[in-house]
Amino acid sequence: MLHLCKRCTMNNCESEEIVEAANIAISNLLPTKSRSLYDIAYNRFKKWCAEKNVQVYSENVLLAYFSENAKNYKSSTLWAQYSMVKSCLIIYDNIDISKFPKLIAFLKRTGDGYQAKKSKILTKSEIDRFLSSADDKEFLMIKVGLILGIAGACRTDELVNLTVDDIEDVGSSLIVKIPNTKTKIPRIFVVTDVGNMLELFPKYLSLRPPHYKAGKCSSQPVGKNTMGKIPSVVASYLKLPDVACYTGHCLRRSSATLLADAGSLRGYVENSIENKTKIANQVLVGTTTSAITKTVNVSESNIPSNINFENCANVTFNLNVNK
């Protein structure tokens, strides 16, 4: 790691206090959460340079390094490694490899013809079939994770970081607050009573301490790998083809697809609990907020004794009486 030294110039004398403050600032330039990954990428590059007796980090050196890596890694991985090595070289060695045009052109070339694989999605009928037929004793945690992931379009890491303290049971629904470590402002979504969720959650909660996994209590919390496999577990149970294609991103993609099918765009919905409940119904239940107009002509001779309405919400009746 690069450290500044106490030095004097013609116009400025840097004290030990200034140097120490600068070193602390430098140590915080890399992302705290993924800093270890940056260090691994940088140390791997430094080790390669040592093996090749490289003394100067020129553009040709970087081209040779990434050309060698291109034989084993896909384009997206190369770009990720480039980004981490670039940040470390700027911080530790004061070298900006973003100004190497041939290196950038090479990395872009490695992506020609590459198509990222998208996760498959779960349909509304597949989700309902799993929730209604899978045994709670074995799949309770999977059911809870599936419903939360679909209702909130959650990423795997969001589900991992979610705790029971972030979920409020208000009787007719669950209000879920996804923690945000950066803004400190949680993302909120609502879960309505789909798949008996309002019964499943208290059941899971009662088994929560210490922890519940696959029909038994365990002292080990549910980790990222287990959460990421929820879609593939569902696909496997339903005997769907290409189970491996149902990745951790499936829940988020499925939620977006269900919401689009219901005729709503999440980004344009007012941020209120009422509207979040409507979104939950659109995603989980399949109801829409589109207006339906029905005109019935009734005369004195055929006035019905009663009129029944089923599965209605937020209904407005306009009665026009003509005499």
C-alpha atoms as a PDB file:
ATOM      1  CA  MET A   1       0.000   0.000   0.000  1.00  0.00           C
ATOM      2  CA  LEU A   2       1.239   3.480  -0.890  1.00  0.00           C
ATOM      3  CA  HIS A   3       2.123   5.795   1.975  1.00  0.00           C
ATOM      4  CA  LEU A   4       3.198   9.410   1.737  1.00  0.00           C
ATOM      5  CA  CYS A   5       6.435  10.542   3.315  1.00  0.00           C
ATOM      6  CA  LYS A   6       7.176  13.764   5.131  1.00  0.00           C
ATOM      7  CA  ARG A   7       8.684  16.138   2.649  1.00  0.00           C
ATOM      8  CA  CYS A   8       9.328  19.833   2.190  1.00  0.00           C
ATOM      9  CA  THR A   9       8.938  21.855  -1.005  1.00  0.00           C
ATOM     10  CA  MET A  10       9.722  25.439  -1.845  1.00  0.00           C
ATOM     11  CA  ASN A  11       6.163  26.542  -1.154  1.00  0.00           C
ATOM     12  CA  ASN A  12       4.950  23.999   1.387  1.00  0.00           C
ATOM     13  CA  CYS A  13       6.204  21.923   4.253  1.00  0.00           C
ATOM     14  CA  GLU A  14       4.068  18.846   4.902  1.00  0.00           C
ATOM     15  CA  SER A  15       3.928  17.944   8.573  1.00  0.00           C
ATOM     16  CA  GLU A  16       3.541  14.424   9.899  1.00  0.00           C
ATOM     17  CA  GLU A  17      -0.069  15.284  10.759  1.00  0.00           C
ATOM     18  CA  ILE A  18      -0.810  16.199   7.109  1.00  0.00           C
ATOM     19  CA  VAL A  19       0.921  13.074   5.825  1.00  0.00           C
ATOM     20  CA  GLU A  20      -0.990  10.848   8.248  1.00  0.00           C
ATOM     21  CA  ALA A  21      -4.323  12.445   7.281  1.00  0.00           C
ATOM     22  CA  ALA A  22      -3.498  11.930   3.595  1.00  0.00           C
ATOM     23  CA  ASN A  23      -2.649   8.266   4.182  1.00  0.00           C
ATOM     24  CA  ILE A  24      -5.962   7.738   5.958  1.00  0.00           C
ATOM     25  CA  ALA A  25      -7.792   9.386   3.064  1.00  0.00           C
ATOM     26  CA  ILE A  26      -5.975   7.160   0.566  1.00  0.00           C
ATOM     27  CA  SER A  27      -6.869   4.033   2.534  1.00  0.00           C
ATOM     28  CA  ASN A  28     -10.565   4.952   2.222  1.00  0.00           C
ATOM     29  CA  LEU A  29     -10.598   5.511  -1.534  1.00  0.00           C
ATOM     30  CA  LEU A  30     -11.514   1.909  -2.341  1.00  0.00           C
ATOM     31  CA  PRO A  31     -15.058   0.614  -1.672  1.00  0.00           C
ATOM     32  CA  THR A  32     -15.181  -0.758   1.868  1.00  0.00           C
ATOM     33  CA  LYS A  33     -17.489  -3.655   1.041  1.00  0.00           C
ATOM     34  CA  SER A  34     -15.475  -4.990  -1.900  1.00  0.00           C
ATOM     35  CA  ARG A  35     -12.015  -3.752  -0.968  1.00  0.00           C
ATOM     36  CA  SER A  36     -10.670  -7.283  -0.579  1.00  0.00           C
ATOM     37  CA  LEU A  37     -11.581  -8.034  -4.195  1.00  0.00           C
ATOM     38  CA  TYR A  38      -9.671  -4.951  -5.350  1.00  0.00           C
ATOM     39  CA  ASP A  39      -6.615  -6.017  -3.375  1.00  0.00           C
ATOM     40  CA  ILE A  40      -6.778  -9.541  -4.817  1.00  0.00           C
ATOM     41  CA  ALA A  41      -6.953  -8.225  -8.390  1.00  0.00           C
ATOM     42  CA  TYR A  42      -4.097  -5.776  -7.765  1.00  0.00           C
ATOM     43  CA  ASN A  43      -1.858  -8.341  -6.052  1.00  0.00           C
ATOM     44  CA  ARG A  44      -2.475 -10.843  -8.851  1.00  0.00           C
ATOM     45  CA  PHE A  45      -1.333  -8.231 -11.368  1.00  0.00           C
ATOM     46  CA  LYS A  46       1.728  -7.364  -9.259  1.00  0.00           C
ATOM     47  CA  LYS A  47       2.637 -11.051  -8.957  1.00  0.00           C
ATOM     48  CA  TRP A  48       2.391 -11.477 -12.725  1.00  0.00           C
ATOM     49  CA  CYS A  49       4.654  -8.454 -13.225  1.00  0.00           C
ATOM     50  CA  ALA A  50       7.205  -9.867 -10.794  1.00  0.00           C
ATOM     51  CA  GLU A  51       7.234 -13.189 -12.660  1.00  0.00           C
ATOM     52  CA  LYS A  52       7.804 -11.328 -15.949  1.00  0.00           C
ATOM     53  CA  ASN A  53      10.462  -9.033 -14.417  1.00  0.00           C
ATOM     54  CA  VAL A  54       8.325  -5.994 -15.268  1.00  0.00           C
ATOM     55  CA  GLN A  55       9.558  -2.744 -13.780  1.00  0.00           C
ATOM     56  CA  VAL A  56       7.394  -0.195 -15.628  1.00  0.00           C
ATOM     57  CA  TYR A  57       3.623  -0.495 -16.035  1.00  0.00           C
ATOM     58  CA  SER A  58       3.391   0.557 -19.670  1.00  0.00           C
ATOM     59  CA  GLU A  59       0.465   0.101 -22.040  1.00  0.00           C
ATOM     60  CA  ASN A  60       2.173  -2.893 -23.664  1.00  0.00           C
ATOM     61  CA  VAL A  61       2.536  -4.539 -20.244  1.00  0.00           C
ATOM     62  CA  LEU A  62      -1.178  -4.097 -19.523  1.00  0.00           C
ATOM     63  CA  LEU A  63      -2.071  -5.363 -22.999  1.00  0.00           C
ATOM     64  CA  ALA A  64       0.020  -8.488 -22.458  1.00  0.00           C
ATOM     65  CA  TYR A  65      -1.519  -9.094 -19.025  1.00  0.00           C
ATOM     66  CA  PHE A  66      -5.149  -8.776 -20.132  1.00  0.00           C
ATOM     67  CA  SER A  67      -4.487 -10.648 -23.361  1.00  0.00           C
ATOM     68  CA  GLU A  68      -3.287 -13.579 -21.292  1.00  0.00           C
ATOM     69  CA  ASN A  69      -6.331 -13.338 -19.007  1.00  0.00           C
ATOM     70  CA  ALA A  70      -8.674 -13.183 -21.997  1.00  0.00           C
ATOM     71  CA  LYS A  71      -7.899 -16.851 -22.691  1.00  0.00           C
ATOM     72  CA  ASN A  72      -9.619 -17.888 -19.452  1.00  0.00           C
ATOM     73  CA  TYR A  73     -12.188 -15.195 -18.673  1.00  0.00           C
ATOM     74  CA  LYS A  74     -15.244 -13.790 -20.422  1.00  0.00           C
ATOM     75  CA  SER A  75     -15.484 -10.131 -21.421  1.00  0.00           C
ATOM     76  CA  SER A  76     -17.502  -8.994 -18.396  1.00  0.00           C
ATOM     77  CA  THR A  77     -14.933 -10.501 -16.021  1.00  0.00           C
ATOM     78  CA  LEU A  78     -12.066  -8.806 -17.871  1.00  0.00           C
ATOM     79  CA  TRP A  79     -13.788  -5.444 -17.549  1.00  0.00           C
ATOM     80  CA  ALA A  80     -14.331  -6.005 -13.831  1.00  0.00           C
ATOM     81  CA  GLN A  81     -10.652  -6.921 -13.354  1.00  0.00           C
ATOM     82  CA  TYR A  82      -9.607  -3.897 -15.426  1.00  0.00           C
ATOM     83  CA  SER A  83     -11.709  -1.579 -13.255  1.00  0.00           C
ATOM     84  CA  MET A  84     -10.219  -2.891 -10.009  1.00  0.00           C
ATOM     85  CA  VAL A  85      -6.614  -2.883 -11.274  1.00  0.00           C
ATOM     86  CA  LYS A  86      -7.117   0.630 -12.674  1.00  0.00           C
ATOM     87  CA  SER A  87      -8.354   1.975  -9.320  1.00  0.00           C
ATOM     88  CA  CYS A  88      -5.491   0.384  -7.405  1.00  0.00           C
ATOM     89  CA  LEU A  89      -2.818   1.586  -9.836  1.00  0.00           C
ATOM     90  CA  ILE A  90      -4.118   5.152  -9.525  1.00  0.00           C
ATOM     91  CA  ILE A  91      -4.142   5.005  -5.726  1.00  0.00           C
ATOM     92  CA  TYR A  92      -0.983   3.014  -5.059  1.00  0.00           C
ATOM     93  CA  ASP A  93       1.226   3.833  -8.073  1.00  0.00           C
ATOM     94  CA  ASN A  94      -0.212   7.104  -9.427  1.00  0.00           C
ATOM     95  CA  ILE A  95      -0.684   5.493 -12.872  1.00  0.00           C
ATOM     96  CA  ASP A  96      -3.878   6.056 -14.886  1.00  0.00           C
ATOM     97  CA  ILE A  97      -4.364   3.172 -17.318  1.00  0.00           C
ATOM     98  CA  SER A  98      -7.674   4.630 -18.512  1.00  0.00           C
ATOM     99  CA  LYS A  99      -5.506   6.756 -20.803  1.00  0.00           C
ATOM    100  CA  PHE A 100      -4.243   3.653 -22.641  1.00  0.00           C
ATOM    101  CA  PRO A 101      -6.335   3.706 -25.871  1.00  0.00           C
ATOM    102  CA  LYS A 102      -5.049   0.412 -27.284  1.00  0.00           C
ATOM    103  CA  LEU A 103      -5.869  -1.374 -24.016  1.00  0.00           C
ATOM    104  CA  ILE A 104      -9.431  -0.003 -24.037  1.00  0.00           C
ATOM    105  CA  ALA A 105      -9.853  -0.995 -27.696  1.00  0.00           C
ATOM    106  CA  PHE A 106      -8.647  -4.528 -26.899  1.00  0.00           C
ATOM    107  CA  LEU A 107     -11.098  -4.923 -24.017  1.00  0.00           C
ATOM    108  CA  LYS A 108     -13.973  -3.711 -26.185  1.00  0.00           C
ATOM    109  CA  ARG A 109     -12.947  -6.185 -28.865  1.00  0.00           C
ATOM    110  CA  THR A 110     -13.185  -9.103 -26.435  1.00  0.00           C
ATOM    111  CA  GLY A 111     -16.878  -8.357 -26.037  1.00  0.00           C
ATOM    112  CA  ASP A 112     -17.711  -8.706 -29.739  1.00  0.00           C
ATOM    113  CA  GLY A 113     -20.347 -11.363 -30.228  1.00  0.00           C
ATOM    114  CA  TYR A 114     -20.739 -11.954 -26.506  1.00  0.00           C
ATOM    115  CA  GLN A 115     -24.288 -12.142 -25.187  1.00  0.00           C
ATOM    116  CA  ALA A 116     -24.902 -12.192 -21.467  1.00  0.00           C
ATOM    117  CA  LYS A 117     -27.115 -15.028 -20.290  1.00  0.00           C
ATOM    118  CA  LYS A 118     -30.342 -13.845 -18.722  1.00  0.00           C
ATOM    119  CA  SER A 119     -32.016 -15.732 -15.941  1.00  0.00           C
ATOM    120  CA  LYS A 120     -35.273 -17.463 -16.741  1.00  0.00           C
ATOM    121  CA  ILE A 121     -38.386 -16.182 -14.998  1.00  0.00           C
ATOM    122  CA  LEU A 122     -41.139 -17.854 -12.999  1.00  0.00           C
ATOM    123  CA  THR A 123     -44.675 -17.306 -14.242  1.00  0.00           C
ATOM    124  CA  LYS A 124     -47.663 -16.460 -12.050  1.00  0.00           C
ATOM    125  CA  SER A 125     -49.095 -19.962 -12.452  1.00  0.00           C
ATOM    126  CA  GLU A 126     -45.754 -21.597 -11.585  1.00  0.00           C
ATOM    127  CA  ILE A 127     -45.413 -19.490  -8.436  1.00  0.00           C
ATOM    128  CA  ASP A 128     -48.976 -20.319  -7.374  1.00  0.00           C
ATOM    129  CA  ARG A 129     -48.449 -24.029  -8.058  1.00  0.00           C
ATOM    130  CA  PHE A 130     -45.335 -24.141  -5.893  1.00  0.00           C
ATOM    131  CA  LEU A 131     -46.905 -22.206  -3.012  1.00  0.00           C
ATOM    132  CA  SER A 132     -50.000 -24.402  -2.980  1.00  0.00           C
ATOM    133  CA  SER A 133     -48.379 -27.819  -3.424  1.00  0.00           C
ATOM    134  CA  ALA A 134     -44.918 -27.694  -1.779  1.00  0.00           C
ATOM    135  CA  ASP A 135     -44.770 -29.023   1.781  1.00  0.00           C
ATOM    136  CA  ASP A 136     -44.150 -26.340   4.427  1.00  0.00           C
ATOM    137  CA  LYS A 137     -42.054 -28.741   6.465  1.00  0.00           C
ATOM    138  CA  GLU A 138     -39.413 -28.836   3.749  1.00  0.00           C
ATOM    139  CA  PHE A 139     -39.984 -25.623   1.804  1.00  0.00           C
ATOM    140  CA  LEU A 140     -41.182 -23.037   4.367  1.00  0.00           C
ATOM    141  CA  MET A 141     -38.081 -20.852   4.104  1.00  0.00           C
ATOM    142  CA  ILE A 142     -38.109 -21.171   0.301  1.00  0.00           C
ATOM    143  CA  LYS A 143     -41.740 -20.036   0.194  1.00  0.00           C
ATOM    144  CA  VAL A 144     -41.103 -17.011   2.403  1.00  0.00           C
ATOM    145  CA  GLY A 145     -38.008 -16.027   0.399  1.00  0.00           C
ATOM    146  CA  LEU A 146     -39.857 -16.524  -2.896  1.00  0.00           C
ATOM    147  CA  ILE A 147     -42.788 -14.314  -1.935  1.00  0.00           C
ATOM    148  CA  LEU A 148     -40.577 -11.571  -0.465  1.00  0.00           C
ATOM    149  CA  GLY A 149     -38.271 -11.678  -3.493  1.00  0.00           C
ATOM    150  CA  ILE A 150     -41.128 -11.472  -5.993  1.00  0.00           C
ATOM    151  CA  ALA A 151     -43.144  -8.854  -4.078  1.00  0.00           C
ATOM    152  CA  GLY A 152     -40.163  -6.558  -3.619  1.00  0.00           C
ATOM    153  CA  ALA A 153     -38.170  -7.363  -6.787  1.00  0.00           C
ATOM    154  CA  CYS A 154     -35.321  -8.128  -4.403  1.00  0.00           C
ATOM    155  CA  ARG A 155     -31.719  -8.873  -5.208  1.00  0.00           C
ATOM    156  CA  THR A 156     -30.120 -11.843  -3.472  1.00  0.00           C
ATOM    157  CA  ASP A 157     -28.002  -9.658  -1.172  1.00  0.00           C
ATOM    158  CA  GLU A 158     -31.104  -7.700  -0.127  1.00  0.00           C
ATOM    159  CA  LEU A 159     -32.809 -10.910   0.992  1.00  0.00           C
ATOM    160  CA  VAL A 160     -29.663 -11.998   2.845  1.00  0.00           C
ATOM    161  CA  ASN A 161     -29.445  -8.700   4.747  1.00  0.00           C
ATOM    162  CA  LEU A 162     -33.176  -8.645   5.519  1.00  0.00           C
ATOM    163  CA  THR A 163     -34.102  -9.486   9.123  1.00  0.00           C
ATOM    164  CA  VAL A 164     -37.436 -10.181  10.786  1.00  0.00           C
ATOM    165  CA  ASP A 165     -37.124  -6.765  12.444  1.00  0.00           C
ATOM    166  CA  ASP A 166     -37.437  -5.190   8.981  1.00  0.00           C
ATOM    167  CA  ILE A 167     -40.883  -6.753   8.451  1.00  0.00           C
ATOM    168  CA  GLU A 168     -43.979  -5.290  10.107  1.00  0.00           C
ATOM    169  CA  ASP A 169     -47.166  -7.335  10.274  1.00  0.00           C
ATOM    170  CA  VAL A 170     -50.094  -4.882  10.091  1.00  0.00           C
ATOM    171  CA  GLY A 171     -52.778  -7.556   9.909  1.00  0.00           C
ATOM    172  CA  SER A 172     -53.980  -7.262   6.309  1.00  0.00           C
ATOM    173  CA  SER A 173     -50.451  -7.135   4.883  1.00  0.00           C
ATOM    174  CA  LEU A 174     -46.743  -7.056   5.647  1.00  0.00           C
ATOM    175  CA  ILE A 175     -44.733  -3.853   5.298  1.00  0.00           C
ATOM    176  CA  VAL A 176     -41.137  -4.694   4.420  1.00  0.00           C
ATOM    177  CA  LYS A 177     -38.231  -2.251   4.727  1.00  0.00           C
ATOM    178  CA  ILE A 178     -35.076  -3.127   2.798  1.00  0.00           C
ATOM    179  CA  PRO A 179     -32.068  -1.540   4.567  1.00  0.00           C
ATOM    180  CA  ASN A 180     -29.865   0.809   2.547  1.00  0.00           C
ATOM    181  CA  THR A 181     -26.400   1.200   4.063  1.00  0.00           C
ATOM    182  CA  LYS A 182     -25.534   4.137   1.785  1.00  0.00           C
ATOM    183  CA  THR A 183     -28.535   6.460   2.062  1.00  0.00           C
ATOM    184  CA  LYS A 184     -29.817   5.055   5.389  1.00  0.00           C
ATOM    185  CA  ILE A 185     -33.292   5.395   3.835  1.00  0.00           C
ATOM    186  CA  PRO A 186     -34.944   1.958   3.497  1.00  0.00           C
ATOM    187  CA  ARG A 187     -36.756   0.815   0.361  1.00  0.00           C
ATOM    188  CA  ILE A 188     -40.311  -0.125   1.290  1.00  0.00           C
ATOM    189  CA  PHE A 189     -42.696  -2.608  -0.304  1.00  0.00           C
ATOM    190  CA  VAL A 190     -45.884  -4.376   0.749  1.00  0.00           C
ATOM    191  CA  VAL A 191     -46.774  -8.078   0.764  1.00  0.00           C
ATOM    192  CA  THR A 192     -50.473  -8.924   0.603  1.00  0.00           C
ATOM    193  CA  ASP A 193     -52.037 -12.268   1.571  1.00  0.00           C
ATOM    194  CA  VAL A 194     -50.895 -14.318  -1.420  1.00  0.00           C
ATOM    195  CA  GLY A 195     -50.049 -17.982  -1.014  1.00  0.00           C
ATOM    196  CA  ASN A 196     -51.165 -17.730   2.622  1.00  0.00           C
ATOM    197  CA  MET A 197     -48.171 -15.455   3.232  1.00  0.00           C
ATOM    198  CA  LEU A 198     -49.818 -13.900   6.278  1.00  0.00           C
ATOM    199  CA  GLU A 199     -49.921 -17.386   7.783  1.00  0.00           C
ATOM    200  CA  LEU A 200     -46.533 -18.525   6.514  1.00  0.00           C
ATOM    201  CA  PHE A 201     -44.604 -15.584   7.927  1.00  0.00           C
ATOM    202  CA  PRO A 202     -45.740 -16.013  11.587  1.00  0.00           C
ATOM    203  CA  LYS A 203     -45.091 -19.733  11.221  1.00  0.00           C
ATOM    204  CA  TYR A 204     -41.569 -19.043   9.978  1.00  0.00           C
ATOM    205  CA  LEU A 205     -41.118 -16.382  12.663  1.00  0.00           C
ATOM    206  CA  SER A 206     -42.030 -18.826  15.424  1.00  0.00           C
ATOM    207  CA  LEU A 207     -39.287 -21.172  14.199  1.00  0.00           C
ATOM    208  CA  ARG A 208     -36.824 -18.375  13.485  1.00  0.00           C
ATOM    209  CA  PRO A 209     -34.742 -18.541  16.697  1.00  0.00           C
ATOM    210  CA  PRO A 210     -32.286 -19.964  16.276  1.00  0.00           C
ATOM    211  CA  HIS A 211     -32.773 -20.512  12.500  1.00  0.00           C
ATOM    212  CA  TYR A 212     -34.958 -22.561  10.207  1.00  0.00           C
ATOM    213  CA  LYS A 213     -33.806 -24.372   7.089  1.00  0.00           C
ATOM    214  CA  ALA A 214     -35.411 -27.249   5.195  1.00  0.00           C
ATOM    215  CA  GLY A 215     -37.657 -28.594   7.919  1.00  0.00           C
ATOM    216  CA  LYS A 216     -35.321 -28.251  10.878  1.00  0.00           C
ATOM    217  CA  CYS A 217     -33.891 -25.615  13.163  1.00  0.00           C
ATOM    218  CA  SER A 218     -30.254 -24.727  12.641  1.00  0.00           C
ATOM    219  CA  SER A 219     -27.768 -22.384  14.271  1.00  0.00           C
ATOM    220  CA  GLN A 220     -26.509 -21.339  10.829  1.00  0.00           C
ATOM    221  CA  PRO A 221     -28.246 -18.329   9.224  1.00  0.00           C
ATOM    222  CA  VAL A 222     -29.477 -18.480   5.636  1.00  0.00           C
ATOM    223  CA  GLY A 223     -26.585 -17.324   3.450  1.00  0.00           C
ATOM    224  CA  LYS A 224     -26.215 -15.812  -0.015  1.00  0.00           C
ATOM    225  CA  ASN A 225     -25.768 -19.150  -1.781  1.00  0.00           C
ATOM    226  CA  THR A 226     -28.940 -20.598  -0.266  1.00  0.00           C
ATOM    227  CA  MET A 227     -30.923 -17.454  -1.071  1.00  0.00           C
ATOM    228  CA  GLY A 228     -29.551 -17.393  -4.610  1.00  0.00           C
ATOM    229  CA  LYS A 229     -30.728 -20.954  -5.170  1.00  0.00           C
ATOM    230  CA  ILE A 230     -34.369 -20.290  -4.253  1.00  0.00           C
ATOM    231  CA  PRO A 231     -35.502 -19.981  -7.918  1.00  0.00           C
ATOM    232  CA  SER A 232     -33.672 -23.159  -8.950  1.00  0.00           C
ATOM    233  CA  VAL A 233     -35.176 -25.040  -5.990  1.00  0.00           C
ATOM    234  CA  VAL A 234     -38.647 -23.930  -7.116  1.00  0.00           C
ATOM    235  CA  ALA A 235     -37.894 -24.870 -10.737  1.00  0.00           C
ATOM    236  CA  SER A 236     -36.555 -28.259  -9.664  1.00  0.00           C
ATOM    237  CA  TYR A 237     -39.655 -28.994  -7.567  1.00  0.00           C
ATOM    238  CA  LEU A 238     -41.920 -28.053 -10.495  1.00  0.00           C
ATOM    239  CA  LYS A 239     -39.749 -30.155 -12.839  1.00  0.00           C
ATOM    240  CA  LEU A 240     -39.153 -27.195 -15.161  1.00  0.00           C
ATOM    241  CA  PRO A 241     -36.506 -27.564 -17.894  1.00  0.00           C
ATOM    242  CA  ASP A 242     -33.069 -25.883 -17.599  1.00  0.00           C
ATOM    243  CA  VAL A 243     -33.158 -25.595 -13.801  1.00  0.00           C
ATOM    244  CA  ALA A 244     -29.666 -24.063 -13.733  1.00  0.00           C
ATOM    245  CA  CYS A 245     -30.977 -21.083 -15.738  1.00  0.00           C
ATOM    246  CA  TYR A 246     -33.152 -20.011 -12.809  1.00  0.00           C
ATOM    247  CA  THR A 247     -30.477 -17.921 -11.083  1.00  0.00           C
ATOM    248  CA  GLY A 248     -30.660 -15.549  -8.125  1.00  0.00           C
ATOM    249  CA  HIS A 249     -31.677 -12.738 -10.494  1.00  0.00           C
ATOM    250  CA  CYS A 250     -34.827 -14.705 -11.398  1.00  0.00           C
ATOM    251  CA  LEU A 251     -36.887 -13.180  -8.573  1.00  0.00           C
ATOM    252  CA  ARG A 252     -36.172  -9.617  -9.680  1.00  0.00           C
ATOM    253  CA  ARG A 253     -36.821 -10.386 -13.357  1.00  0.00           C
ATOM    254  CA  SER A 254     -39.992 -12.313 -12.566  1.00  0.00           C
ATOM    255  CA  SER A 255     -41.307  -9.429 -10.463  1.00  0.00           C
ATOM    256  CA  ALA A 256     -40.648  -6.894 -13.231  1.00  0.00           C
ATOM    257  CA  THR A 257     -42.325  -9.148 -15.790  1.00  0.00           C
ATOM    258  CA  LEU A 258     -45.419  -9.695 -13.631  1.00  0.00           C
ATOM    259  CA  LEU A 259     -45.680  -5.975 -12.971  1.00  0.00           C
ATOM    260  CA  ALA A 260     -45.382  -5.179 -16.677  1.00  0.00           C
ATOM    261  CA  ASP A 261     -48.023  -7.793 -17.488  1.00  0.00           C
ATOM    262  CA  ALA A 262     -50.332  -6.084 -14.978  1.00  0.00           C
ATOM    263  CA  GLY A 263     -49.929  -2.841 -16.911  1.00  0.00           C
ATOM    264  CA  SER A 264     -47.972  -0.758 -14.421  1.00  0.00           C
ATOM    265  CA  LEU A 265     -44.520   0.820 -14.373  1.00  0.00           C
ATOM    266  CA  ARG A 266     -42.956   0.875 -10.895  1.00  0.00           C
ATOM    267  CA  GLY A 267     -40.888   3.996 -11.513  1.00  0.00           C
ATOM    268  CA  TYR A 268     -43.988   6.137 -12.123  1.00  0.00           C
ATOM    269  CA  VAL A 269     -46.024   5.071  -9.089  1.00  0.00           C
ATOM    270  CA  GLU A 270     -46.352   7.495  -6.185  1.00  0.00           C
ATOM    271  CA  ASN A 271     -44.335   6.453  -3.155  1.00  0.00           C
ATOM    272  CA  SER A 272     -47.145   5.671  -0.685  1.00  0.00           C
ATOM    273  CA  ILE A 273     -48.249   2.576   1.234  1.00  0.00           C
ATOM    274  CA  GLU A 274     -51.595   2.640  -0.602  1.00  0.00           C
ATOM    275  CA  ASN A 275     -49.937   2.538  -4.002  1.00  0.00           C
ATOM    276  CA  LYS A 276     -47.394  -0.034  -2.828  1.00  0.00           C
ATOM    277  CA  THR A 277     -50.324  -2.228  -1.792  1.00  0.00           C
ATOM    278  CA  LYS A 278     -51.768  -1.845  -5.282  1.00  0.00           C
ATOM    279  CA  ILE A 279     -48.394  -2.874  -6.737  1.00  0.00           C
ATOM    280  CA  ALA A 280     -48.293  -5.906  -4.455  1.00  0.00           C
ATOM    281  CA  ASN A 281     -51.729  -6.962  -5.679  1.00  0.00           C
ATOM    282  CA  GLN A 282     -50.651  -6.475  -9.273  1.00  0.00           C
ATOM    283  CA  VAL A 283     -47.520  -8.573  -8.863  1.00  0.00           C
ATOM    284  CA  LEU A 284     -48.738 -11.274  -6.493  1.00  0.00           C
ATOM    285  CA  VAL A 285     -52.454 -11.523  -7.176  1.00  0.00           C
ATOM    286  CA  GLY A 286     -52.556 -10.386 -10.777  1.00  0.00           C
ATOM    287  CA  THR A 287     -55.179  -7.673 -10.348  1.00  0.00           C
ATOM    288  CA  THR A 288     -54.917  -4.432 -12.282  1.00  0.00           C
ATOM    289  CA  THR A 289     -56.081  -0.880 -11.648  1.00  0.00           C
ATOM    290  CA  SER A 290     -57.527  -0.373 -15.117  1.00  0.00           C
ATOM    291  CA  ALA A 291     -61.057   0.974 -15.211  1.00  0.00           C
ATOM    292  CA  ILE A 292     -63.913  -1.288 -16.330  1.00  0.00           C
ATOM    293  CA  THR A 293     -67.203   0.313 -17.361  1.00  0.00           C
ATOM    294  CA  LYS A 294     -70.406  -1.728 -17.376  1.00  0.00           C
ATOM    295  CA  THR A 295     -73.713  -0.247 -18.405  1.00  0.00           C
ATOM    296  CA  VAL A 296     -76.952  -1.992 -17.420  1.00  0.00           C
ATOM    297  CA  ASN A 297     -80.326  -0.760 -18.596  1.00  0.00           C
ATOM    298  CA  VAL A 298     -83.056  -1.455 -16.073  1.00  0.00           C
ATOM    299  CA  SER A 299     -86.737  -0.699 -16.588  1.00  0.00           C
ATOM    300  CA  GLU A 300     -89.586  -0.793 -14.083  1.00  0.00           C
ATOM    301  CA  SER A 301     -90.606  -4.226 -15.362  1.00  0.00           C
ATOM    302  CA  ASN A 302     -87.228  -5.924 -14.914  1.00  0.00           C
ATOM    303  CA  ILE A 303     -85.730  -4.443 -11.768  1.00  0.00           C
ATOM    304  CA  PRO A 304     -83.456  -7.164 -10.265  1.00  0.00           C
ATOM    305  CA  SER A 305     -84.033  -8.180  -6.656  1.00  0.00           C
ATOM    306  CA  ASN A 306     -80.289  -8.167  -5.963  1.00  0.00           C
ATOM    307  CA  ILE A 307     -76.989  -7.518  -7.723  1.00  0.00           C
ATOM    308  CA  ASN A 308     -73.835  -9.400  -6.676  1.00  0.00           C
ATOM    309  CA  PHE A 309     -70.260  -8.219  -7.146  1.00  0.00           C
ATOM    310  CA  GLU A 310     -67.249 -10.468  -6.506  1.00  0.00           C
ATOM    311  CA  ASN A 311     -63.470  -9.921  -6.309  1.00  0.00           C
ATOM    312  CA  CYS A 312     -63.857  -6.150  -6.451  1.00  0.00           C
ATOM    313  CA  ALA A 313     -61.632  -3.466  -4.946  1.00  0.00           C
ATOM    314  CA  ASN A 314     -61.718   0.331  -5.171  1.00  0.00           C
ATOM    315  CA  VAL A 315     -65.040   0.241  -7.033  1.00  0.00           C
ATOM    316  CA  THR A 316     -67.050   3.340  -7.941  1.00  0.00           C
ATOM    317  CA  PHE A 317     -70.760   3.040  -8.764  1.00  0.00           C
ATOM    318  CA  ASN A 318     -72.446   5.710 -10.884  1.00  0.00           C
ATOM    319  CA  LEU A 319     -76.261   5.404 -10.812  1.00  0.00           C
ATOM    320  CA  ASN A 320     -78.291   7.352 -13.303  1.00  0.00           C
ATOM    321  CA  VAL A 321     -82.021   7.240 -12.626  1.00  0.00           C
ATOM    322  CA  ASN A 322     -84.272   8.242 -15.504  1.00  0.00           C
ATOM    323  CA  LYS A 323     -87.945   8.777 -14.828  1.00  0.00           C
END
